PDB file of N, CA and C in Angstrom:
ATOM      1  N   GLN A   1     108.404 234.064  -2.726  1.00  0.00           N
ATOM      2  CA  GLN A   1     107.702 234.626  -3.622  1.00  0.00           C
ATOM      3  C   GLN A   1     108.044 233.586  -5.011  1.00  0.00           C
ATOM      4  N   VAL A   2     106.976 233.657  -5.578  1.00  0.00           N
ATOM      5  CA  VAL A   2     106.887 232.547  -7.102  1.00  0.00           C
ATOM      6  C   VAL A   2     106.418 233.723  -8.180  1.00  0.00           C
ATOM      7  N   GLN A   3     107.298 233.824  -9.346  1.00  0.00           N
ATOM      8  CA  GLN A   3     106.615 234.924 -10.266  1.00  0.00           C
ATOM      9  C   GLN A   3     106.386 233.772 -11.361  1.00  0.00           C
ATOM     10  N   LEU A   4     105.031 233.985 -12.079  1.00  0.00           N
ATOM     11  CA  LEU A   4     104.576 233.154 -12.788  1.00  0.00           C
ATOM     12  C   LEU A   4     103.995 233.960 -14.073  1.00  0.00           C
ATOM     13  N   VAL A   5     104.329 233.411 -15.355  1.00  0.00           N
ATOM     14  CA  VAL A   5     104.448 234.283 -16.519  1.00  0.00           C
ATOM     15  C   VAL A   5     103.796 233.008 -17.297  1.00  0.00           C
ATOM     16  N   GLU A   6     102.340 233.588 -18.263  1.00  0.00           N
ATOM     17  CA  GLU A   6     101.860 232.268 -19.146  1.00  0.00           C
ATOM     18  C   GLU A   6     102.056 232.995 -20.500  1.00  0.00           C
ATOM     19  N   SER A   7     101.932 231.666 -21.386  1.00  0.00           N
ATOM     20  CA  SER A   7     101.906 232.523 -22.891  1.00  0.00           C
ATOM     21  C   SER A   7     101.323 231.203 -23.785  1.00  0.00           C
ATOM     22  N   GLY A   8     100.890 231.626 -24.897  1.00  0.00           N
ATOM     23  CA  GLY A   8     100.671 230.420 -25.608  1.00  0.00           C
ATOM     24  C   GLY A   8      99.228 230.543 -25.800  1.00  0.00           C
ATOM     25  N   GLY A   9      98.364 231.762 -25.448  1.00  0.00           N
ATOM     26  CA  GLY A   9      97.097 231.778 -25.930  1.00  0.00           C
ATOM     27  C   GLY A   9      96.955 232.386 -27.191  1.00  0.00           C
ATOM     28  N   GLY A  10      95.603 232.489 -27.866  1.00  0.00           N
ATOM     29  CA  GLY A  10      95.447 233.208 -28.922  1.00  0.00           C
ATOM     30  C   GLY A  10      94.056 232.816 -29.495  1.00  0.00           C
ATOM     31  N   LEU A  11      93.770 233.122 -30.825  1.00  0.00           N
ATOM     32  CA  LEU A  11      92.371 233.073 -31.487  1.00  0.00           C
ATOM     33  C   LEU A  11      92.724 231.673 -32.410  1.00  0.00           C
ATOM     34  N   VAL A  12      91.706 230.796 -32.061  1.00  0.00           N
ATOM     35  CA  VAL A  12      91.753 229.564 -32.719  1.00  0.00           C
ATOM     36  C   VAL A  12      90.153 229.026 -33.041  1.00  0.00           C
ATOM     37  N   GLN A  13      89.983 228.042 -34.038  1.00  0.00           N
ATOM     38  CA  GLN A  13      88.848 227.675 -34.416  1.00  0.00           C
ATOM     39  C   GLN A  13      88.191 226.647 -34.009  1.00  0.00           C
ATOM     40  N   ALA A  14      87.131 226.350 -33.751  1.00  0.00           N
ATOM     41  CA  ALA A  14      86.770 225.173 -32.939  1.00  0.00           C
ATOM     42  C   ALA A  14      87.578 223.965 -33.436  1.00  0.00           C
ATOM     43  N   GLY A  15      87.746 222.848 -32.991  1.00  0.00           N
ATOM     44  CA  GLY A  15      88.483 221.720 -32.826  1.00  0.00           C
ATOM     45  C   GLY A  15      89.808 221.852 -33.093  1.00  0.00           C
ATOM     46  N   ASP A  16      90.500 223.426 -33.266  1.00  0.00           N
ATOM     47  CA  ASP A  16      91.876 223.296 -32.940  1.00  0.00           C
ATOM     48  C   ASP A  16      92.713 223.160 -31.596  1.00  0.00           C
ATOM     49  N   SER A  17      93.847 222.757 -31.728  1.00  0.00           N
ATOM     50  CA  SER A  17      94.557 222.699 -30.660  1.00  0.00           C
ATOM     51  C   SER A  17      95.275 224.233 -30.310  1.00  0.00           C
ATOM     52  N   LEU A  18      95.976 224.211 -28.919  1.00  0.00           N
ATOM     53  CA  LEU A  18      96.542 225.337 -28.650  1.00  0.00           C
ATOM     54  C   LEU A  18      97.668 224.443 -27.197  1.00  0.00           C
ATOM     55  N   ARG A  19      98.523 224.914 -27.052  1.00  0.00           N
ATOM     56  CA  ARG A  19      99.373 224.297 -25.769  1.00  0.00           C
ATOM     57  C   ARG A  19     100.012 225.802 -24.863  1.00  0.00           C
ATOM     58  N   LEU A  20      99.405 226.069 -23.918  1.00  0.00           N
ATOM     59  CA  LEU A  20      99.938 227.356 -23.165  1.00  0.00           C
ATOM     60  C   LEU A  20     100.988 226.371 -22.233  1.00  0.00           C
ATOM     61  N   SER A  21     101.957 227.566 -21.829  1.00  0.00           N
ATOM     62  CA  SER A  21     102.997 227.330 -21.057  1.00  0.00           C
ATOM     63  C   SER A  21     103.141 228.142 -19.545  1.00  0.00           C
ATOM     64  N   CYS A  22     103.424 227.892 -18.760  1.00  0.00           N
ATOM     65  CA  CYS A  22     103.587 228.933 -17.538  1.00  0.00           C
ATOM     66  C   CYS A  22     105.041 228.716 -16.940  1.00  0.00           C
ATOM     67  N   ALA A  23     105.703 230.053 -17.147  1.00  0.00           N
ATOM     68  CA  ALA A  23     106.838 229.645 -16.772  1.00  0.00           C
ATOM     69  C   ALA A  23     107.292 230.468 -15.369  1.00  0.00           C
ATOM     70  N   ALA A  24     107.860 229.784 -14.460  1.00  0.00           N
ATOM     71  CA  ALA A  24     107.832 229.826 -12.991  1.00  0.00           C
ATOM     72  C   ALA A  24     109.541 230.566 -12.733  1.00  0.00           C
ATOM     73  N   SER A  25     109.354 231.454 -11.716  1.00  0.00           N
ATOM     74  CA  SER A  25     110.599 231.794 -11.379  1.00  0.00           C
ATOM     75  C   SER A  25     110.578 231.904  -9.856  1.00  0.00           C
ATOM     76  N   GLY A  26     111.245 232.386  -9.004  1.00  0.00           N
ATOM     77  CA  GLY A  26     111.471 232.368  -7.447  1.00  0.00           C
ATOM     78  C   GLY A  26     111.642 231.565  -6.878  1.00  0.00           C
ATOM     79  N   ARG A  27     110.922 230.841  -6.447  1.00  0.00           N
ATOM     80  CA  ARG A  27     110.962 229.737  -5.166  1.00  0.00           C
ATOM     81  C   ARG A  27     111.432 228.486  -5.907  1.00  0.00           C
ATOM     82  N   THR A  28     111.841 227.560  -5.806  1.00  0.00           N
ATOM     83  CA  THR A  28     112.394 226.134  -6.212  1.00  0.00           C
ATOM     84  C   THR A  28     110.892 225.799  -6.477  1.00  0.00           C
ATOM     85  N   PHE A  29     110.500 225.198  -7.872  1.00  0.00           N
ATOM     86  CA  PHE A  29     109.746 224.984  -8.328  1.00  0.00           C
ATOM     87  C   PHE A  29     109.047 224.103  -7.806  1.00  0.00           C
ATOM     88  N   THR A  30     109.872 222.862  -7.702  1.00  0.00           N
ATOM     89  CA  THR A  30     109.217 221.752  -7.350  1.00  0.00           C
ATOM     90  C   THR A  30     109.053 221.485  -5.932  1.00  0.00           C
ATOM     91  N   ASN A  31     108.801 222.846  -4.948  1.00  0.00           N
ATOM     92  CA  ASN A  31     108.178 222.841  -4.041  1.00  0.00           C
ATOM     93  C   ASN A  31     106.790 222.719  -4.565  1.00  0.00           C
ATOM     94  N   ASN A  32     106.084 223.339  -5.464  1.00  0.00           N
ATOM     95  CA  ASN A  32     104.817 223.916  -5.597  1.00  0.00           C
ATOM     96  C   ASN A  32     103.781 222.907  -6.361  1.00  0.00           C
ATOM     97  N   VAL A  33     102.559 222.604  -5.764  1.00  0.00           N
ATOM     98  CA  VAL A  33     101.795 221.957  -6.872  1.00  0.00           C
ATOM     99  C   VAL A  33     101.306 223.172  -7.832  1.00  0.00           C
ATOM    100  N   MET A  34     100.811 222.775  -9.072  1.00  0.00           N
ATOM    101  CA  MET A  34     100.636 223.831 -10.026  1.00  0.00           C
ATOM    102  C   MET A  34      99.083 223.201 -10.830  1.00  0.00           C
ATOM    103  N   ALA A  35      98.548 224.127 -11.081  1.00  0.00           N
ATOM    104  CA  ALA A  35      97.326 224.360 -11.589  1.00  0.00           C
ATOM    105  C   ALA A  35      97.083 225.308 -12.709  1.00  0.00           C
ATOM    106  N   TRP A  36      96.101 225.063 -13.238  1.00  0.00           N
ATOM    107  CA  TRP A  36      95.668 226.049 -14.349  1.00  0.00           C
ATOM    108  C   TRP A  36      93.755 226.238 -13.884  1.00  0.00           C
ATOM    109  N   PHE A  37      93.638 227.567 -14.019  1.00  0.00           N
ATOM    110  CA  PHE A  37      92.440 227.980 -13.956  1.00  0.00           C
ATOM    111  C   PHE A  37      91.768 228.966 -15.343  1.00  0.00           C
ATOM    112  N   ARG A  38      90.597 229.255 -15.205  1.00  0.00           N
ATOM    113  CA  ARG A  38      90.146 229.733 -16.289  1.00  0.00           C
ATOM    114  C   ARG A  38      89.094 230.670 -16.027  1.00  0.00           C
ATOM    115  N   HIS A  39      89.117 231.945 -16.602  1.00  0.00           N
ATOM    116  CA  HIS A  39      87.803 232.904 -16.160  1.00  0.00           C
ATOM    117  C   HIS A  39      87.231 233.128 -17.743  1.00  0.00           C
ATOM    118  N   ALA A  40      85.903 232.908 -17.729  1.00  0.00           N
ATOM    119  CA  ALA A  40      85.213 233.668 -18.720  1.00  0.00           C
ATOM    120  C   ALA A  40      84.413 234.632 -18.137  1.00  0.00           C
ATOM    121  N   PRO A  41      84.056 235.607 -19.255  1.00  0.00           N
ATOM    122  CA  PRO A  41      83.090 236.775 -18.834  1.00  0.00           C
ATOM    123  C   PRO A  41      82.063 236.395 -18.595  1.00  0.00           C
ATOM    124  N   GLY A  42      81.271 236.703 -17.581  1.00  0.00           N
ATOM    125  CA  GLY A  42      80.285 236.288 -16.652  1.00  0.00           C
ATOM    126  C   GLY A  42      80.134 235.404 -16.233  1.00  0.00           C
ATOM    127  N   LYS A  43      81.057 234.843 -15.776  1.00  0.00           N
ATOM    128  CA  LYS A  43      81.088 233.247 -15.371  1.00  0.00           C
ATOM    129  C   LYS A  43      82.586 233.467 -14.261  1.00  0.00           C
ATOM    130  N   GLU A  44      82.214 232.482 -13.204  1.00  0.00           N
ATOM    131  CA  GLU A  44      83.093 232.164 -12.015  1.00  0.00           C
ATOM    132  C   GLU A  44      84.076 231.733 -12.430  1.00  0.00           C
ATOM    133  N   ARG A  45      85.381 232.101 -11.761  1.00  0.00           N
ATOM    134  CA  ARG A  45      86.788 231.183 -12.300  1.00  0.00           C
ATOM    135  C   ARG A  45      86.416 230.061 -12.131  1.00  0.00           C
ATOM    136  N   GLU A  46      87.139 228.855 -12.772  1.00  0.00           N
ATOM    137  CA  GLU A  46      86.987 227.635 -13.206  1.00  0.00           C
ATOM    138  C   GLU A  46      88.198 226.993 -12.758  1.00  0.00           C
ATOM    139  N   PHE A  47      88.105 225.773 -12.081  1.00  0.00           N
ATOM    140  CA  PHE A  47      89.379 224.721 -12.283  1.00  0.00           C
ATOM    141  C   PHE A  47      89.304 224.079 -13.498  1.00  0.00           C
ATOM    142  N   VAL A  48      91.007 224.182 -13.792  1.00  0.00           N
ATOM    143  CA  VAL A  48      90.654 223.418 -15.234  1.00  0.00           C
ATOM    144  C   VAL A  48      91.285 222.052 -14.705  1.00  0.00           C
ATOM    145  N   ALA A  49      92.670 222.201 -14.591  1.00  0.00           N
ATOM    146  CA  ALA A  49      93.576 220.936 -14.170  1.00  0.00           C
ATOM    147  C   ALA A  49      94.665 221.321 -12.947  1.00  0.00           C
ATOM    148  N   ALA A  50      95.382 220.473 -12.336  1.00  0.00           N
ATOM    149  CA  ALA A  50      96.388 220.516 -11.429  1.00  0.00           C
ATOM    150  C   ALA A  50      97.374 219.423 -11.694  1.00  0.00           C
ATOM    151  N   ILE A  51      98.559 219.326 -11.086  1.00  0.00           N
ATOM    152  CA  ILE A  51      99.637 218.612 -11.224  1.00  0.00           C
ATOM    153  C   ILE A  51     100.367 218.517 -10.204  1.00  0.00           C
ATOM    154  N   SER A  52     100.862 217.551  -9.750  1.00  0.00           N
ATOM    155  CA  SER A  52     101.743 217.347  -8.143  1.00  0.00           C
ATOM    156  C   SER A  52     103.034 217.396  -8.753  1.00  0.00           C
ATOM    157  N   ARG A  53     103.905 218.025  -7.690  1.00  0.00           N
ATOM    158  CA  ARG A  53     105.112 218.234  -7.698  1.00  0.00           C
ATOM    159  C   ARG A  53     106.277 217.657  -8.459  1.00  0.00           C
ATOM    160  N   THR A  54     105.737 216.471  -8.500  1.00  0.00           N
ATOM    161  CA  THR A  54     106.772 215.377  -9.288  1.00  0.00           C
ATOM    162  C   THR A  54     106.136 215.174 -10.898  1.00  0.00           C
ATOM    163  N   GLY A  55     104.957 215.689 -10.934  1.00  0.00           N
ATOM    164  CA  GLY A  55     103.987 215.498 -12.548  1.00  0.00           C
ATOM    165  C   GLY A  55     103.539 214.093 -12.197  1.00  0.00           C
ATOM    166  N   THR A  56     103.704 213.509 -11.450  1.00  0.00           N
ATOM    167  CA  THR A  56     103.153 211.905 -11.386  1.00  0.00           C
ATOM    168  C   THR A  56     101.462 211.875 -10.975  1.00  0.00           C
ATOM    169  N   ILE A  57     101.138 212.797 -10.631  1.00  0.00           N
ATOM    170  CA  ILE A  57      99.404 212.981 -10.569  1.00  0.00           C
ATOM    171  C   ILE A  57      98.985 214.226 -11.075  1.00  0.00           C
ATOM    172  N   THR A  58      97.715 213.877 -11.768  1.00  0.00           N
ATOM    173  CA  THR A  58      97.097 215.054 -11.982  1.00  0.00           C
ATOM    174  C   THR A  58      95.351 214.852 -11.938  1.00  0.00           C
ATOM    175  N   TYR A  59      95.230 215.888 -11.839  1.00  0.00           N
ATOM    176  CA  TYR A  59      93.409 215.889 -11.706  1.00  0.00           C
ATOM    177  C   TYR A  59      92.752 217.173 -12.503  1.00  0.00           C
ATOM    178  N   TYR A  60      91.850 216.540 -13.414  1.00  0.00           N
ATOM    179  CA  TYR A  60      90.942 217.499 -14.173  1.00  0.00           C
ATOM    180  C   TYR A  60      89.865 217.869 -13.783  1.00  0.00           C
ATOM    181  N   ALA A  61      89.279 219.110 -14.430  1.00  0.00           N
ATOM    182  CA  ALA A  61      87.981 219.075 -14.753  1.00  0.00           C
ATOM    183  C   ALA A  61      87.093 218.362 -15.525  1.00  0.00           C
ATOM    184  N   ASP A  62      85.742 217.771 -14.851  1.00  0.00           N
ATOM    185  CA  ASP A  62      85.248 217.100 -15.998  1.00  0.00           C
ATOM    186  C   ASP A  62      84.927 217.732 -17.161  1.00  0.00           C
ATOM    187  N   SER A  63      84.622 219.184 -17.379  1.00  0.00           N
ATOM    188  CA  SER A  63      84.296 219.699 -18.564  1.00  0.00           C
ATOM    189  C   SER A  63      85.332 219.662 -19.599  1.00  0.00           C
ATOM    190  N   ILE A  64      86.676 219.269 -19.272  1.00  0.00           N
ATOM    191  CA  ILE A  64      87.622 219.265 -20.113  1.00  0.00           C
ATOM    192  C   ILE A  64      88.250 217.857 -20.284  1.00  0.00           C
ATOM    193  N   LYS A  65      87.844 217.280 -19.270  1.00  0.00           N
ATOM    194  CA  LYS A  65      88.729 215.553 -19.321  1.00  0.00           C
ATOM    195  C   LYS A  65      88.731 215.281 -20.570  1.00  0.00           C
ATOM    196  N   GLY A  66      89.874 214.355 -21.172  1.00  0.00           N
ATOM    197  CA  GLY A  66      90.079 213.768 -22.214  1.00  0.00           C
ATOM    198  C   GLY A  66      90.528 214.681 -23.331  1.00  0.00           C
ATOM    199  N   ARG A  67      90.310 215.895 -23.248  1.00  0.00           N
ATOM    200  CA  ARG A  67      90.575 216.850 -24.065  1.00  0.00           C
ATOM    201  C   ARG A  67      91.870 217.584 -23.869  1.00  0.00           C
ATOM    202  N   PHE A  68      92.220 218.013 -22.671  1.00  0.00           N
ATOM    203  CA  PHE A  68      93.186 219.173 -22.006  1.00  0.00           C
ATOM    204  C   PHE A  68      94.180 217.897 -21.381  1.00  0.00           C
ATOM    205  N   THR A  69      95.491 218.207 -21.438  1.00  0.00           N
ATOM    206  CA  THR A  69      96.321 217.538 -20.964  1.00  0.00           C
ATOM    207  C   THR A  69      97.362 218.345 -20.226  1.00  0.00           C
ATOM    208  N   ILE A  70      97.726 218.505 -18.801  1.00  0.00           N
ATOM    209  CA  ILE A  70      98.599 219.077 -18.160  1.00  0.00           C
ATOM    210  C   ILE A  70      99.968 218.496 -17.695  1.00  0.00           C
ATOM    211  N   SER A  71     100.873 219.173 -17.902  1.00  0.00           N
ATOM    212  CA  SER A  71     102.245 218.628 -17.726  1.00  0.00           C
ATOM    213  C   SER A  71     103.076 219.368 -17.114  1.00  0.00           C
ATOM    214  N   ARG A  72     104.364 219.154 -16.678  1.00  0.00           N
ATOM    215  CA  ARG A  72     105.227 220.075 -16.196  1.00  0.00           C
ATOM    216  C   ARG A  72     106.700 219.217 -16.488  1.00  0.00           C
ATOM    217  N   ASP A  73     107.778 220.334 -16.800  1.00  0.00           N
ATOM    218  CA  ASP A  73     109.120 220.038 -16.893  1.00  0.00           C
ATOM    219  C   ASP A  73     109.865 220.652 -16.165  1.00  0.00           C
ATOM    220  N   ASN A  74     110.165 220.073 -14.754  1.00  0.00           N
ATOM    221  CA  ASN A  74     110.982 220.653 -13.498  1.00  0.00           C
ATOM    222  C   ASN A  74     112.226 221.216 -13.906  1.00  0.00           C
ATOM    223  N   ALA A  75     112.955 220.772 -15.049  1.00  0.00           N
ATOM    224  CA  ALA A  75     114.085 221.157 -15.556  1.00  0.00           C
ATOM    225  C   ALA A  75     114.090 222.617 -15.916  1.00  0.00           C
ATOM    226  N   LYS A  76     112.929 223.074 -16.345  1.00  0.00           N
ATOM    227  CA  LYS A  76     112.338 223.921 -17.220  1.00  0.00           C
ATOM    228  C   LYS A  76     111.746 225.235 -16.437  1.00  0.00           C
ATOM    229  N   ASN A  77     111.366 224.526 -15.188  1.00  0.00           N
ATOM    230  CA  ASN A  77     110.304 225.347 -14.352  1.00  0.00           C
ATOM    231  C   ASN A  77     109.405 226.043 -15.021  1.00  0.00           C
ATOM    232  N   THR A  78     108.707 225.015 -15.924  1.00  0.00           N
ATOM    233  CA  THR A  78     107.799 225.112 -16.741  1.00  0.00           C
ATOM    234  C   THR A  78     106.368 224.370 -16.591  1.00  0.00           C
ATOM    235  N   VAL A  79     105.067 224.648 -16.620  1.00  0.00           N
ATOM    236  CA  VAL A  79     103.964 223.752 -16.327  1.00  0.00           C
ATOM    237  C   VAL A  79     103.194 224.217 -17.814  1.00  0.00           C
ATOM    238  N   TYR A  80     102.535 222.804 -18.542  1.00  0.00           N
ATOM    239  CA  TYR A  80     101.987 223.106 -19.873  1.00  0.00           C
ATOM    240  C   TYR A  80     100.571 222.812 -19.391  1.00  0.00           C
ATOM    241  N   LEU A  81      99.750 223.103 -20.612  1.00  0.00           N
ATOM    242  CA  LEU A  81      98.349 222.663 -20.374  1.00  0.00           C
ATOM    243  C   LEU A  81      98.197 222.482 -22.218  1.00  0.00           C
ATOM    244  N   GLN A  82      98.316 221.221 -22.564  1.00  0.00           N
ATOM    245  CA  GLN A  82      97.810 221.021 -23.859  1.00  0.00           C
ATOM    246  C   GLN A  82      96.414 220.701 -24.072  1.00  0.00           C
ATOM    247  N   MET A  83      95.942 221.566 -25.035  1.00  0.00           N
ATOM    248  CA  MET A  83      94.406 221.950 -25.171  1.00  0.00           C
ATOM    249  C   MET A  83      93.845 221.186 -26.574  1.00  0.00           C
ATOM    250  N   LYS A  84      93.287 220.033 -26.775  1.00  0.00           N
ATOM    251  CA  LYS A  84      92.886 219.600 -28.039  1.00  0.00           C
ATOM    252  C   LYS A  84      90.990 219.780 -28.196  1.00  0.00           C
ATOM    253  N   ASN A  85      90.733 219.648 -29.413  1.00  0.00           N
ATOM    254  CA  ASN A  85      89.380 219.599 -29.706  1.00  0.00           C
ATOM    255  C   ASN A  85      89.028 220.725 -28.986  1.00  0.00           C
ATOM    256  N   LEU A  86      89.235 222.296 -29.585  1.00  0.00           N
ATOM    257  CA  LEU A  86      88.888 223.410 -28.811  1.00  0.00           C
ATOM    258  C   LEU A  86      87.378 223.524 -28.924  1.00  0.00           C
ATOM    259  N   LYS A  87      86.738 224.116 -28.292  1.00  0.00           N
ATOM    260  CA  LYS A  87      85.203 224.474 -27.975  1.00  0.00           C
ATOM    261  C   LYS A  87      84.843 225.877 -27.549  1.00  0.00           C
ATOM    262  N   PRO A  88      84.153 226.576 -28.321  1.00  0.00           N
ATOM    263  CA  PRO A  88      83.688 227.808 -28.232  1.00  0.00           C
ATOM    264  C   PRO A  88      83.403 228.093 -26.815  1.00  0.00           C
ATOM    265  N   GLU A  89      83.411 227.092 -25.823  1.00  0.00           N
ATOM    266  CA  GLU A  89      82.721 227.557 -24.589  1.00  0.00           C
ATOM    267  C   GLU A  89      84.208 227.307 -23.910  1.00  0.00           C
ATOM    268  N   ASP A  90      85.247 227.106 -24.327  1.00  0.00           N
ATOM    269  CA  ASP A  90      86.270 227.028 -24.141  1.00  0.00           C
ATOM    270  C   ASP A  90      87.213 228.398 -23.749  1.00  0.00           C
ATOM    271  N   THR A  91      86.746 229.355 -24.519  1.00  0.00           N
ATOM    272  CA  THR A  91      86.714 230.587 -24.551  1.00  0.00           C
ATOM    273  C   THR A  91      87.236 231.618 -23.179  1.00  0.00           C
ATOM    274  N   ALA A  92      88.288 231.893 -22.656  1.00  0.00           N
ATOM    275  CA  ALA A  92      88.437 232.393 -21.458  1.00  0.00           C
ATOM    276  C   ALA A  92      89.923 232.964 -21.358  1.00  0.00           C
ATOM    277  N   VAL A  93      90.008 233.584 -20.059  1.00  0.00           N
ATOM    278  CA  VAL A  93      91.518 233.751 -19.715  1.00  0.00           C
ATOM    279  C   VAL A  93      91.619 232.667 -18.735  1.00  0.00           C
ATOM    280  N   TYR A  94      92.919 232.188 -19.533  1.00  0.00           N
ATOM    281  CA  TYR A  94      93.609 231.158 -18.485  1.00  0.00           C
ATOM    282  C   TYR A  94      94.886 231.655 -17.584  1.00  0.00           C
ATOM    283  N   TYR A  95      94.622 230.774 -16.192  1.00  0.00           N
ATOM    284  CA  TYR A  95      95.679 231.124 -15.439  1.00  0.00           C
ATOM    285  C   TYR A  95      96.375 230.149 -15.133  1.00  0.00           C
ATOM    286  N   CYS A  96      97.603 230.684 -14.828  1.00  0.00           N
ATOM    287  CA  CYS A  96      98.389 229.532 -14.051  1.00  0.00           C
ATOM    288  C   CYS A  96      98.410 229.754 -12.621  1.00  0.00           C
ATOM    289  N   ALA A  97      98.818 228.874 -11.604  1.00  0.00           N
ATOM    290  CA  ALA A  97      98.643 229.016 -10.567  1.00  0.00           C
ATOM    291  C   ALA A  97      99.421 228.137  -9.650  1.00  0.00           C
ATOM    292  N   ALA A  98     100.166 228.640  -8.426  1.00  0.00           N
ATOM    293  CA  ALA A  98     100.843 227.546  -7.653  1.00  0.00           C
ATOM    294  C   ALA A  98     100.948 227.690  -6.114  1.00  0.00           C
ATOM    295  N   THR A  99     100.976 226.656  -5.648  1.00  0.00           N
ATOM    296  CA  THR A  99     100.769 226.306  -4.344  1.00  0.00           C
ATOM    297  C   THR A  99     101.662 225.292  -3.807  1.00  0.00           C
ATOM    298  N   THR A 100     101.984 226.012  -2.434  1.00  0.00           N
ATOM    299  CA  THR A 100     102.887 225.140  -1.349  1.00  0.00           C
ATOM    300  C   THR A 100     102.186 223.839  -0.662  1.00  0.00           C
ATOM    301  N   ALA A 101     101.091 224.020  -0.413  1.00  0.00           N
ATOM    302  CA  ALA A 101     100.007 223.247  -0.043  1.00  0.00           C
ATOM    303  C   ALA A 101     100.239 222.054  -0.433  1.00  0.00           C
ATOM    304  N   ILE A 102      99.913 220.653   0.687  1.00  0.00           N
ATOM    305  CA  ILE A 102      99.974 219.535   0.183  1.00  0.00           C
ATOM    306  C   ILE A 102      99.108 218.922  -0.856  1.00  0.00           C
ATOM    307  N   TRP A 103      99.215 217.948  -1.907  1.00  0.00           N
ATOM    308  CA  TRP A 103      98.655 217.741  -2.725  1.00  0.00           C
ATOM    309  C   TRP A 103      97.552 216.808  -1.920  1.00  0.00           C
ATOM    310  N   GLY A 104      96.159 217.151  -2.501  1.00  0.00           N
ATOM    311  CA  GLY A 104      94.858 216.446  -1.891  1.00  0.00           C
ATOM    312  C   GLY A 104      93.920 216.913  -2.050  1.00  0.00           C
ATOM    313  N   ALA A 105      92.353 216.843  -2.119  1.00  0.00           N
ATOM    314  CA  ALA A 105      91.437 216.859  -2.497  1.00  0.00           C
ATOM    315  C   ALA A 105      90.815 218.624  -2.721  1.00  0.00           C
ATOM    316  N   GLY A 106      91.976 219.393  -2.149  1.00  0.00           N
ATOM    317  CA  GLY A 106      91.462 220.704  -2.375  1.00  0.00           C
ATOM    318  C   GLY A 106      92.216 221.429  -3.597  1.00  0.00           C
ATOM    319  N   VAL A 107      92.821 220.411  -4.323  1.00  0.00           N
ATOM    320  CA  VAL A 107      93.396 221.047  -5.203  1.00  0.00           C
ATOM    321  C   VAL A 107      92.825 221.715  -6.303  1.00  0.00           C
ATOM    322  N   SER A 108      91.464 221.408  -6.743  1.00  0.00           N
ATOM    323  CA  SER A 108      90.736 222.387  -7.230  1.00  0.00           C
ATOM    324  C   SER A 108      90.343 223.707  -6.739  1.00  0.00           C
ATOM    325  N   GLY A 109      90.665 224.145  -5.719  1.00  0.00           N
ATOM    326  CA  GLY A 109      89.853 225.043  -4.807  1.00  0.00           C
ATOM    327  C   GLY A 109      90.924 226.459  -5.333  1.00  0.00           C
ATOM    328  N   ALA A 110      90.529 227.424  -5.787  1.00  0.00           N
ATOM    329  CA  ALA A 110      91.531 228.539  -6.024  1.00  0.00           C
ATOM    330  C   ALA A 110      92.214 229.075  -4.786  1.00  0.00           C
ATOM    331  N   ARG A 111      91.526 228.667  -3.422  1.00  0.00           N
ATOM    332  CA  ARG A 111      91.924 229.810  -2.499  1.00  0.00           C
ATOM    333  C   ARG A 111      93.049 228.796  -1.970  1.00  0.00           C
ATOM    334  N   VAL A 112      93.239 227.710  -2.121  1.00  0.00           N
ATOM    335  CA  VAL A 112      94.553 226.793  -2.011  1.00  0.00           C
ATOM    336  C   VAL A 112      95.660 227.461  -2.547  1.00  0.00           C
ATOM    337  N   TYR A 113      96.002 228.388  -3.721  1.00  0.00           N
ATOM    338  CA  TYR A 113      97.173 229.036  -4.500  1.00  0.00           C
ATOM    339  C   TYR A 113      97.496 229.936  -4.014  1.00  0.00           C
ATOM    340  N   ASP A 114      98.729 230.396  -4.033  1.00  0.00           N
ATOM    341  CA  ASP A 114      99.159 231.203  -3.174  1.00  0.00           C
ATOM    342  C   ASP A 114     100.140 232.107  -4.282  1.00  0.00           C
ATOM    343  N   TYR A 115      99.890 231.984  -5.603  1.00  0.00           N
ATOM    344  CA  TYR A 115     100.534 232.737  -6.795  1.00  0.00           C
ATOM    345  C   TYR A 115     100.101 232.376  -7.737  1.00  0.00           C
ATOM    346  N   TRP A 116      99.456 233.517  -8.794  1.00  0.00           N
ATOM    347  CA  TRP A 116      98.876 233.636  -9.570  1.00  0.00           C
ATOM    348  C   TRP A 116      99.791 234.358 -10.869  1.00  0.00           C
ATOM    349  N   GLY A 117      99.261 233.730 -12.335  1.00  0.00           N
ATOM    350  CA  GLY A 117      99.975 234.596 -13.528  1.00  0.00           C
ATOM    351  C   GLY A 117      99.027 235.712 -13.677  1.00  0.00           C
ATOM    352  N   GLN A 118      99.570 236.554 -14.879  1.00  0.00           N
ATOM    353  CA  GLN A 118      98.833 237.403 -15.096  1.00  0.00           C
ATOM    354  C   GLN A 118      97.569 237.073 -16.171  1.00  0.00           C
ATOM    355  N   GLY A 119      97.481 235.675 -16.735  1.00  0.00           N
ATOM    356  CA  GLY A 119      96.417 235.009 -17.789  1.00  0.00           C
ATOM    357  C   GLY A 119      97.089 235.380 -18.975  1.00  0.00           C
ATOM    358  N   THR A 120      96.371 234.420 -19.916  1.00  0.00           N
ATOM    359  CA  THR A 120      96.305 234.311 -20.975  1.00  0.00           C
ATOM    360  C   THR A 120      95.254 234.114 -21.733  1.00  0.00           C
ATOM    361  N   GLN A 121      94.806 235.170 -22.835  1.00  0.00           N
ATOM    362  CA  GLN A 121      93.506 234.643 -23.375  1.00  0.00           C
ATOM    363  C   GLN A 121      93.483 233.801 -24.537  1.00  0.00           C
ATOM    364  N   VAL A 122      92.249 232.950 -24.212  1.00  0.00           N
ATOM    365  CA  VAL A 122      92.018 232.049 -25.296  1.00  0.00           C
ATOM    366  C   VAL A 122      90.926 232.202 -26.002  1.00  0.00           C
ATOM    367  N   THR A 123      90.686 232.345 -27.325  1.00  0.00           N
ATOM    368  CA  THR A 123      89.582 232.540 -27.587  1.00  0.00           C
ATOM    369  C   THR A 123      89.057 231.513 -28.685  1.00  0.00           C
ATOM    370  N   VAL A 124      87.985 230.932 -28.795  1.00  0.00           N
ATOM    371  CA  VAL A 124      87.972 230.013 -29.632  1.00  0.00           C
ATOM    372  C   VAL A 124      86.492 230.333 -30.610  1.00  0.00           C
ATOM    373  N   SER A 125      86.868 230.403 -31.908  1.00  0.00           N
ATOM    374  CA  SER A 125      85.509 230.769 -32.561  1.00  0.00           C
ATOM    375  C   SER A 125      84.842 229.415 -33.323  1.00  0.00           C
ATOM    376  N   SER A 126      83.555 229.718 -33.424  1.00  0.00           N
ATOM    377  CA  SER A 126      82.710 228.317 -33.941  1.00  0.00           C
ATOM    378  C   SER A 126      82.880 228.062 -35.311  1.00  0.00           C
TER     379      SER A 126
END
């Protein structure tokens, strides 16, 4: 089992920055590929970013590429999502997810992930 707890969400204005954190406990953190997804009202859950076990490989959704950065600190069992130049369309509940699956083309698919956090709300006002 892996327990994931997100934090760092909040209400910000367009153009602001936020950093989300996801603290993991349970099984060895470095066994897991980690990702962030988001879910906005009236929309389907959307892949945001993923990072490999060592942190050397990352993958981003086109919608946030260049504005968001995923990183991880394996010594702290934590994955981060640095978000810059936030837009109102970034408003959503952001979820952290973990999988022991091998890194590959499927990392953007929610079905690959075995463990999910409870989510943290990010609201961007215009």
